Each structure stands twice: as C-alpha cells, then as structure tokens.
Protein backbone atom coordinates (compact mmCIF):
# COMPACT_ATOMS: atom_id res chain seq x y z
CA MET A 1 0.00 0.00 0.00
CA GLY A 2 1.21 3.49 -0.81
CA ALA A 3 1.06 6.67 1.24
CA ALA A 4 -2.04 7.33 3.34
CA ILE A 5 -3.50 10.30 5.19
CA LEU A 6 -6.72 11.31 6.96
CA GLY A 7 -8.81 14.29 5.99
CA ARG A 8 -12.07 16.18 6.36
CA LYS A 9 -14.43 16.65 3.43
CA LEU A 10 -15.09 20.36 2.92
CA GLY A 11 -17.44 20.15 -0.08
CA MET A 12 -17.46 20.28 -3.87
CA THR A 13 -16.62 22.99 -6.37
CA SER A 14 -15.43 23.50 -9.95
CA PHE A 15 -11.82 23.57 -11.07
CA PHE A 16 -10.43 24.70 -14.41
CA ASN A 17 -7.40 22.73 -15.63
CA GLU A 18 -4.64 23.82 -18.02
CA LYS A 19 -6.84 23.03 -21.04
CA GLY A 20 -9.57 25.32 -19.77
CA GLU A 21 -11.85 22.37 -19.03
CA GLN A 22 -14.22 22.62 -16.08
CA VAL A 23 -13.69 19.69 -13.71
CA PRO A 24 -15.96 18.90 -10.73
CA VAL A 25 -13.76 18.36 -7.67
CA THR A 26 -14.11 17.55 -3.98
CA VAL A 27 -12.05 19.71 -1.62
CA ILE A 28 -10.53 17.84 1.32
CA GLU A 29 -8.57 19.24 4.25
CA ALA A 30 -5.96 16.48 4.55
CA GLY A 31 -3.72 16.48 7.59
CA PRO A 32 -1.49 17.33 9.24
CA CYS A 33 -1.61 13.85 10.76
CA PRO A 34 0.70 12.85 13.63
CA VAL A 35 2.03 9.30 13.77
CA VAL A 36 0.68 7.82 17.00
CA LYS A 37 1.94 4.24 16.96
CA ILE A 38 4.01 1.86 14.83
CA ASN A 39 2.91 -1.79 14.86
CA THR A 40 5.52 -4.37 13.91
CA LYS A 41 5.20 -8.01 12.90
CA GLU A 42 7.55 -9.13 15.67
CA ARG A 43 5.61 -7.42 18.47
CA ASP A 44 2.04 -7.08 17.17
CA GLY A 45 1.82 -9.76 14.48
CA TYR A 46 1.49 -7.32 11.58
CA ASP A 47 3.06 -4.16 10.20
CA SER A 48 1.01 -0.96 10.24
CA VAL A 49 1.07 2.73 11.08
CA GLN A 50 -1.52 4.38 13.32
CA ILE A 51 -2.12 8.04 12.56
CA GLY A 52 -4.44 10.66 13.99
CA PHE A 53 -6.35 13.68 12.76
CA GLY A 54 -8.42 16.51 14.20
CA PHE A 55 -8.45 18.39 17.49
CA LYS A 56 -9.79 16.92 20.73
CA SER A 57 -9.96 18.71 24.06
CA LYS A 58 -7.92 17.16 26.86
CA LYS A 59 -11.06 17.25 29.05
CA ARG A 60 -12.68 14.72 26.68
CA VAL A 61 -9.80 12.22 26.79
CA ASN A 62 -9.89 9.34 29.27
CA LYS A 63 -6.79 8.04 31.06
CA PRO A 64 -5.95 5.16 28.69
CA GLU A 65 -6.22 7.48 25.67
CA SER A 66 -4.22 10.17 27.46
CA GLY A 67 -1.41 7.70 28.12
CA HIS A 68 -1.52 6.54 24.50
CA PHE A 69 -1.07 10.09 23.21
CA LYS A 70 1.51 10.98 25.87
CA LYS A 71 3.64 7.99 24.88
CA ALA A 72 3.70 9.26 21.30
CA GLY A 73 4.46 12.80 22.49
CA ILE A 74 1.48 14.42 20.74
CA ASP A 75 -1.65 16.37 21.68
CA PRO A 76 -4.96 14.43 21.74
CA VAL A 77 -6.57 13.86 18.33
CA ARG A 78 -10.19 13.23 17.44
CA TRP A 79 -9.75 10.30 15.04
CA LEU A 80 -7.33 7.37 14.94
CA ARG A 81 -6.89 5.02 11.99
CA GLU A 82 -4.42 2.28 11.07
CA PHE A 83 -2.94 1.69 7.63
CA ARG A 84 -0.83 -1.19 6.38
CA VAL A 85 1.83 1.22 5.17
CA LEU A 86 5.25 -0.38 5.12
CA ASP A 87 7.37 2.72 5.79
CA THR A 88 10.02 1.76 8.32
CA SER A 89 11.38 5.29 8.52
CA LEU A 90 8.32 6.62 10.40
CA LYS A 91 8.29 6.86 14.17
CA PRO A 92 5.76 8.07 16.79
CA GLY A 93 5.54 11.85 16.88
CA ASP A 94 6.28 12.36 13.16
CA ILE A 95 3.86 14.61 11.29
CA LEU A 96 2.47 13.65 7.88
CA PHE A 97 1.68 16.47 5.44
CA VAL A 98 -0.38 16.11 2.28
CA GLY A 99 2.20 17.97 0.18
CA ASP A 100 4.90 15.45 1.10
CA LEU A 101 2.83 12.34 0.36
CA PHE A 102 0.80 13.20 -2.74
CA LYS A 103 1.33 15.08 -5.96
CA LYS A 104 -0.81 16.25 -8.85
CA GLY A 105 -1.90 13.40 -11.11
CA ASP A 106 -1.75 10.66 -8.45
CA LYS A 107 -4.45 8.01 -8.37
CA VAL A 108 -6.03 7.46 -4.95
CA LYS A 109 -8.80 5.55 -3.28
CA ILE A 110 -10.95 7.36 -0.74
CA SER A 111 -13.02 5.72 1.99
CA GLY A 112 -15.62 7.25 4.26
CA THR A 113 -19.02 6.69 5.84
CA SER A 114 -21.81 7.34 3.36
CA LYS A 115 -24.63 9.74 4.22
CA GLY A 116 -27.30 8.15 6.40
CA ARG A 117 -30.71 8.22 4.71
CA GLY A 118 -32.75 6.62 7.49
CA PHE A 119 -35.44 3.98 6.88
CA GLN A 120 -36.39 4.04 3.18
CA GLY A 121 -38.76 2.13 0.91
CA VAL A 122 -37.85 -0.08 -2.02
CA VAL A 123 -38.28 2.61 -4.69
CA LYS A 124 -35.60 4.86 -3.17
CA ARG A 125 -33.44 2.13 -1.66
CA HIS A 126 -33.36 -0.38 -4.53
CA HIS A 127 -34.67 1.69 -7.47
CA PHE A 128 -37.88 -0.31 -7.89
CA GLY A 129 -40.13 1.12 -10.59
CA GLY A 130 -43.32 0.63 -8.59
CA VAL A 131 -45.92 -1.99 -9.54
CA GLY A 132 -48.84 0.40 -10.03
CA MET A 133 -51.95 -1.16 -11.61
CA THR A 134 -50.14 -4.36 -12.62
CA SER A 135 -49.87 -7.77 -10.99
CA HIS A 136 -47.20 -8.78 -8.43
CA GLY A 137 -49.81 -8.75 -5.68
CA GLN A 138 -50.48 -5.01 -5.70
CA SER A 139 -53.22 -2.98 -7.34
CA ASP A 140 -53.47 0.39 -5.63
CA ARG A 141 -50.09 1.24 -4.06
CA VAL A 142 -47.57 2.40 -6.62
CA ARG A 143 -44.48 2.38 -4.36
CA ALA A 144 -45.18 -0.97 -2.67
CA PRO A 145 -42.72 -3.85 -3.22
CA GLY A 146 -45.30 -6.40 -4.31
CA SER A 147 -45.05 -10.14 -3.79
CA ILE A 148 -41.91 -11.30 -1.98
CA GLY A 149 -42.10 -15.09 -1.97
CA GLY A 150 -43.84 -18.31 -2.95
CA SER A 151 -46.83 -19.88 -1.20
CA SER A 152 -46.52 -23.63 -0.53
CA PHE A 153 -42.96 -23.72 -1.81
CA PRO A 154 -40.58 -22.59 -0.46
CA SER A 155 -42.99 -21.19 2.16
CA ARG A 156 -40.43 -18.61 3.21
CA VAL A 157 -38.68 -15.48 2.00
CA PHE A 158 -35.16 -15.99 0.69
CA LYS A 159 -32.27 -14.23 2.44
CA GLY A 160 -31.12 -11.07 0.71
CA MET A 161 -34.57 -10.15 -0.62
CA ARG A 162 -34.57 -6.49 -1.56
CA MET A 163 -36.97 -4.81 0.84
CA ALA A 164 -37.39 -1.56 2.78
CA GLY A 165 -34.83 -0.81 5.49
CA ARG A 166 -32.00 1.36 6.75
CA MET A 167 -30.18 3.09 3.91
CA GLY A 168 -26.72 4.63 3.94
CA GLY A 169 -24.49 5.18 6.95
CA LYS A 170 -22.09 2.45 5.81
CA ARG A 171 -18.43 2.40 4.86
CA ALA A 172 -17.96 3.20 1.18
CA THR A 173 -14.82 3.32 -0.97
CA ILE A 174 -14.24 4.90 -4.39
CA ARG A 175 -11.10 3.87 -6.27
CA ASN A 176 -9.04 5.47 -9.05
CA LEU A 177 -9.84 9.08 -8.19
CA GLU A 178 -7.40 11.59 -9.65
CA VAL A 179 -5.63 14.28 -7.64
CA VAL A 180 -6.27 17.49 -9.57
CA GLU A 181 -4.48 20.01 -7.36
CA ILE A 182 -2.74 20.31 -3.99
CA ILE A 183 -2.32 23.46 -1.87
CA PRO A 184 0.24 22.29 0.73
CA GLU A 185 0.36 25.53 2.73
CA GLU A 186 -3.38 25.15 3.47
CA ASN A 187 -3.35 21.32 3.71
CA LEU A 188 -5.87 21.07 0.87
CA ILE A 189 -6.20 18.39 -1.78
CA PHE A 190 -8.57 18.60 -4.77
CA VAL A 191 -9.87 15.24 -6.05
CA LYS A 192 -11.79 14.80 -9.29
CA GLY A 193 -15.40 13.71 -8.70
CA GLY A 194 -17.33 13.01 -5.52
CA VAL A 195 -16.24 11.14 -2.40
CA PRO A 196 -18.35 9.32 0.22
CA GLY A 197 -19.77 11.05 3.25
CA PRO A 198 -21.25 14.36 4.35
CA ILE A 199 -19.49 17.70 4.64
CA ASN A 200 -17.03 17.65 7.57
CA GLY A 201 -17.03 13.85 7.45
CA LEU A 202 -13.81 11.91 7.97
CA VAL A 203 -12.20 10.38 4.86
CA GLU A 204 -9.20 8.11 4.38
CA ILE A 205 -6.99 8.85 1.36
CA VAL A 206 -4.65 6.11 0.15
CA LYS A 207 -2.31 6.35 -2.85
CA LEU A 208 -2.70 3.48 -5.32
C-alpha cells in the first residue's frame, strides 16, 4: 500500500485545468496527521502505522487514551486510523503532510461513511419502478414492493430479498480518483469527482 493520510471533506466545487476544461472536484482538508503508533510483525503480528487527525480537548480524553497520546508525544486527536503502510522510517511523533505524500496526477482511493438516509422504501433504496396497476400482488399502491415469496414452496422469504430498510451510513470506498491540485500551505487536496460522506465527514486517502 502506498502513502495514506486522513482528511475532512469540505465540499465540492469546480476547477479549471490547463486546457480550460471545467472539472468537478471535492475539496478535502488532509492532515497534518501525527504518527501515534508503529505496529511491527515481531511485536504485534502485523506491520502498520496508526495516525491521527483533528483536534480533541484534553477534558474529553480518558486516562488510557491520554497515556496513549503521551507515549507518542502528541496532543490528543479526534480520530485514529491504522494503515498497512510499510514505511520503516516513520516513528511516533512524526507529522504527515499532504504535500509530502501526494502530488498532482496521483491516483487514490478514498473511503468514508456514506450519508445516512434513514429507513427508506424499495423505490428509493433499490430503485424499484413501482408496480402500479399491474400484478405482483399489488393494485393500488404504486411504491409498494409487491409479492416477496412463494406460497406452498418454499414457504419462506429468501435471504437477501430487496426490501425496505435502513439506507446509507455504511463504509464506502471509491477507487481510481485523480488528484487534480494540492495546496500544501493550506493542507488542501482537490480530487476529481465526488467522495463518500457528508461535509465535515472523515475520509481516508490512500495512494494506489
């Protein structure tokens, strides 16, 4: 795995490239991210780097967390994430900056928690067309799902049947997004297209 950093989604805007083409981009405040812990195969069973992002008041940190941050020699952070980044030169207390890890034209994958939509019906959740005045067990409710199973056989509803339920609020990843621009002095990275999650939501950016 390549370089990785945590960031906060600020929103979307338009960007004009060198050809004068208008490109839709997502603006992300990426880093600075302190290195909190280094896991090694000999001690922990696997190699990874734990990094943090965001401000957290010391009053909201319990004693185990406080000791964890104190051992790394950093101020408390709001989010912690681990990445299987095999960079042996890193050590606790190092600071990762977006300008040092990424450059214009890089391909990245971005993960986040998708927007929660609450409890939704089958038309919105699974793009059903609605049965309307047709068969499928419905005659007067356009947005109803219709029949969901057999009668005497199999006398049950199969697992995975597309029905109404909670929508969104799950981890989502988009791959092969292009880095359009980086403003290192402001810790900003511009990525072509949309990324998962709401504004101010945490995102993980990993170089492919």
